[in-house]
Amino acid sequence: MERKKDKLTFEGAWDDQLKQENDDKKTSHTKTVKKFEEPKFRGQRDIEEKRTEFIVSKKATTDSKPEKTVEVVKELSSKEGDDFDVQW
């Protein structure tokens, strides 16, 4: 005596899933193929470059930085034995 296969049992769910997968495989055989379309360009495409030199203009520098002047002294401003005030 064979048991009745329920959808709630493991065997019934397994068989039901196999049937669904087989049906899906049969219907998914049709493939869509994309047709290649040439790109559409705007403007001229047959321009040839005939330059022998390529000149780039230099930017005019209007911001002139002031030069820093450093005063050089012959002696040290502090001498040995001077007390320094240091705030921590």
C-alpha atoms as a PDB file:
ATOM      1  CA  MET A   1       0.000   0.000   0.000  1.00  0.00           C
ATOM      2  CA  GLU A   2       1.532   3.262  -1.175  1.00  0.00           C
ATOM      3  CA  ARG A   3       1.188   6.451   0.818  1.00  0.00           C
ATOM      4  CA  LYS A   4      -0.554   9.375  -0.723  1.00  0.00           C
ATOM      5  CA  LYS A   5       1.964  12.140  -1.550  1.00  0.00           C
ATOM      6  CA  ASP A   6       1.005  15.366   0.099  1.00  0.00           C
ATOM      7  CA  LYS A   7       2.442  18.733  -0.802  1.00  0.00           C
ATOM      8  CA  LEU A   8       3.204  19.178   2.880  1.00  0.00           C
ATOM      9  CA  THR A   9       5.554  16.187   3.046  1.00  0.00           C
ATOM     10  CA  PHE A  10       9.174  16.341   1.904  1.00  0.00           C
ATOM     11  CA  GLU A  11       8.652  13.917  -0.991  1.00  0.00           C
ATOM     12  CA  GLY A  12       5.568  15.752  -2.238  1.00  0.00           C
ATOM     13  CA  ALA A  13       7.302  19.151  -2.111  1.00  0.00           C
ATOM     14  CA  TRP A  14      10.378  17.676  -3.836  1.00  0.00           C
ATOM     15  CA  ASP A  15       8.332  16.207  -6.699  1.00  0.00           C
ATOM     16  CA  ASP A  16       6.357  19.435  -7.076  1.00  0.00           C
ATOM     17  CA  GLN A  17       9.560  21.473  -7.297  1.00  0.00           C
ATOM     18  CA  LEU A  18      11.042  19.125  -9.926  1.00  0.00           C
ATOM     19  CA  LYS A  19       7.914  19.472 -12.044  1.00  0.00           C
ATOM     20  CA  GLN A  20       8.073  23.260 -11.841  1.00  0.00           C
ATOM     21  CA  GLU A  21      11.764  23.319 -12.799  1.00  0.00           C
ATOM     22  CA  ASN A  22      11.176  21.056 -15.793  1.00  0.00           C
ATOM     23  CA  ASP A  23       8.316  23.282 -16.982  1.00  0.00           C
ATOM     24  CA  ASP A  24      10.503  26.383 -16.589  1.00  0.00           C
ATOM     25  CA  LYS A  25      13.310  24.825 -18.628  1.00  0.00           C
ATOM     26  CA  LYS A  26      10.980  24.013 -21.510  1.00  0.00           C
ATOM     27  CA  THR A  27       9.639  27.546 -21.737  1.00  0.00           C
ATOM     28  CA  SER A  28      12.977  29.341 -21.320  1.00  0.00           C
ATOM     29  CA  HIS A  29      14.622  27.950 -24.483  1.00  0.00           C
ATOM     30  CA  THR A  30      13.880  31.035 -26.522  1.00  0.00           C
ATOM     31  CA  LYS A  31      16.807  33.447 -26.495  1.00  0.00           C
ATOM     32  CA  THR A  32      16.761  37.055 -27.504  1.00  0.00           C
ATOM     33  CA  VAL A  33      19.699  38.199 -29.574  1.00  0.00           C
ATOM     34  CA  LYS A  34      20.676  41.856 -29.537  1.00  0.00           C
ATOM     35  CA  LYS A  35      21.248  43.364 -32.953  1.00  0.00           C
ATOM     36  CA  PHE A  36      24.389  45.438 -33.342  1.00  0.00           C
ATOM     37  CA  GLU A  37      23.678  49.036 -34.216  1.00  0.00           C
ATOM     38  CA  GLU A  38      26.439  51.301 -35.453  1.00  0.00           C
ATOM     39  CA  PRO A  39      26.996  54.331 -33.245  1.00  0.00           C
ATOM     40  CA  LYS A  40      25.688  57.606 -34.553  1.00  0.00           C
ATOM     41  CA  PHE A  41      28.307  60.365 -34.486  1.00  0.00           C
ATOM     42  CA  ARG A  42      27.656  64.052 -34.716  1.00  0.00           C
ATOM     43  CA  GLY A  43      29.900  66.358 -36.688  1.00  0.00           C
ATOM     44  CA  GLN A  44      32.645  65.636 -39.170  1.00  0.00           C
ATOM     45  CA  ARG A  45      34.597  62.438 -38.972  1.00  0.00           C
ATOM     46  CA  ASP A  46      36.977  62.884 -41.906  1.00  0.00           C
ATOM     47  CA  ILE A  47      39.196  65.651 -40.473  1.00  0.00           C
ATOM     48  CA  GLU A  48      42.955  65.184 -40.756  1.00  0.00           C
ATOM     49  CA  GLU A  49      45.435  66.895 -38.467  1.00  0.00           C
ATOM     50  CA  LYS A  50      48.104  68.717 -40.486  1.00  0.00           C
ATOM     51  CA  ARG A  51      49.786  70.854 -37.833  1.00  0.00           C
ATOM     52  CA  THR A  52      53.547  70.702 -37.522  1.00  0.00           C
ATOM     53  CA  GLU A  53      53.665  72.617 -34.226  1.00  0.00           C
ATOM     54  CA  PHE A  54      51.388  72.838 -31.257  1.00  0.00           C
ATOM     55  CA  ILE A  55      51.727  76.133 -29.360  1.00  0.00           C
ATOM     56  CA  VAL A  56      50.169  76.714 -25.974  1.00  0.00           C
ATOM     57  CA  SER A  57      49.999  80.254 -24.646  1.00  0.00           C
ATOM     58  CA  LYS A  58      51.509  80.826 -21.247  1.00  0.00           C
ATOM     59  CA  LYS A  59      49.282  82.143 -18.485  1.00  0.00           C
ATOM     60  CA  ALA A  60      50.031  85.698 -17.446  1.00  0.00           C
ATOM     61  CA  THR A  61      50.974  85.779 -13.790  1.00  0.00           C
ATOM     62  CA  THR A  62      49.499  88.907 -12.265  1.00  0.00           C
ATOM     63  CA  ASP A  63      49.978  87.794  -8.669  1.00  0.00           C
ATOM     64  CA  SER A  64      53.554  88.575  -7.807  1.00  0.00           C
ATOM     65  CA  LYS A  65      54.532  87.241  -4.421  1.00  0.00           C
ATOM     66  CA  PRO A  66      56.487  89.654  -2.222  1.00  0.00           C
ATOM     67  CA  GLU A  67      59.950  88.388  -1.464  1.00  0.00           C
ATOM     68  CA  LYS A  68      60.717  87.737   2.164  1.00  0.00           C
ATOM     69  CA  THR A  69      63.710  89.525   3.558  1.00  0.00           C
ATOM     70  CA  VAL A  70      65.625  87.934   6.385  1.00  0.00           C
ATOM     71  CA  GLU A  71      67.909  90.031   8.547  1.00  0.00           C
ATOM     72  CA  VAL A  72      71.184  88.295   9.323  1.00  0.00           C
ATOM     73  CA  VAL A  73      72.963  89.430  12.498  1.00  0.00           C
ATOM     74  CA  LYS A  74      76.581  88.932  13.446  1.00  0.00           C
ATOM     75  CA  GLU A  75      75.954  88.129  17.120  1.00  0.00           C
ATOM     76  CA  LEU A  76      73.421  85.954  18.873  1.00  0.00           C
ATOM     77  CA  SER A  77      70.600  87.843  20.513  1.00  0.00           C
ATOM     78  CA  SER A  78      70.824  85.710  23.629  1.00  0.00           C
ATOM     79  CA  LYS A  79      73.951  85.093  25.610  1.00  0.00           C
ATOM     80  CA  GLU A  80      75.010  82.448  28.032  1.00  0.00           C
ATOM     81  CA  GLY A  81      73.465  82.983  31.431  1.00  0.00           C
ATOM     82  CA  ASP A  82      70.359  84.844  30.202  1.00  0.00           C
ATOM     83  CA  ASP A  83      67.096  83.973  31.901  1.00  0.00           C
ATOM     84  CA  PHE A  84      64.171  83.056  29.723  1.00  0.00           C
ATOM     85  CA  ASP A  85      60.550  83.529  30.608  1.00  0.00           C
ATOM     86  CA  VAL A  86      58.715  80.399  29.527  1.00  0.00           C
ATOM     87  CA  GLN A  87      55.020  79.975  30.025  1.00  0.00           C
ATOM     88  CA  TRP A  88      53.715  76.452  29.989  1.00  0.00           C
END
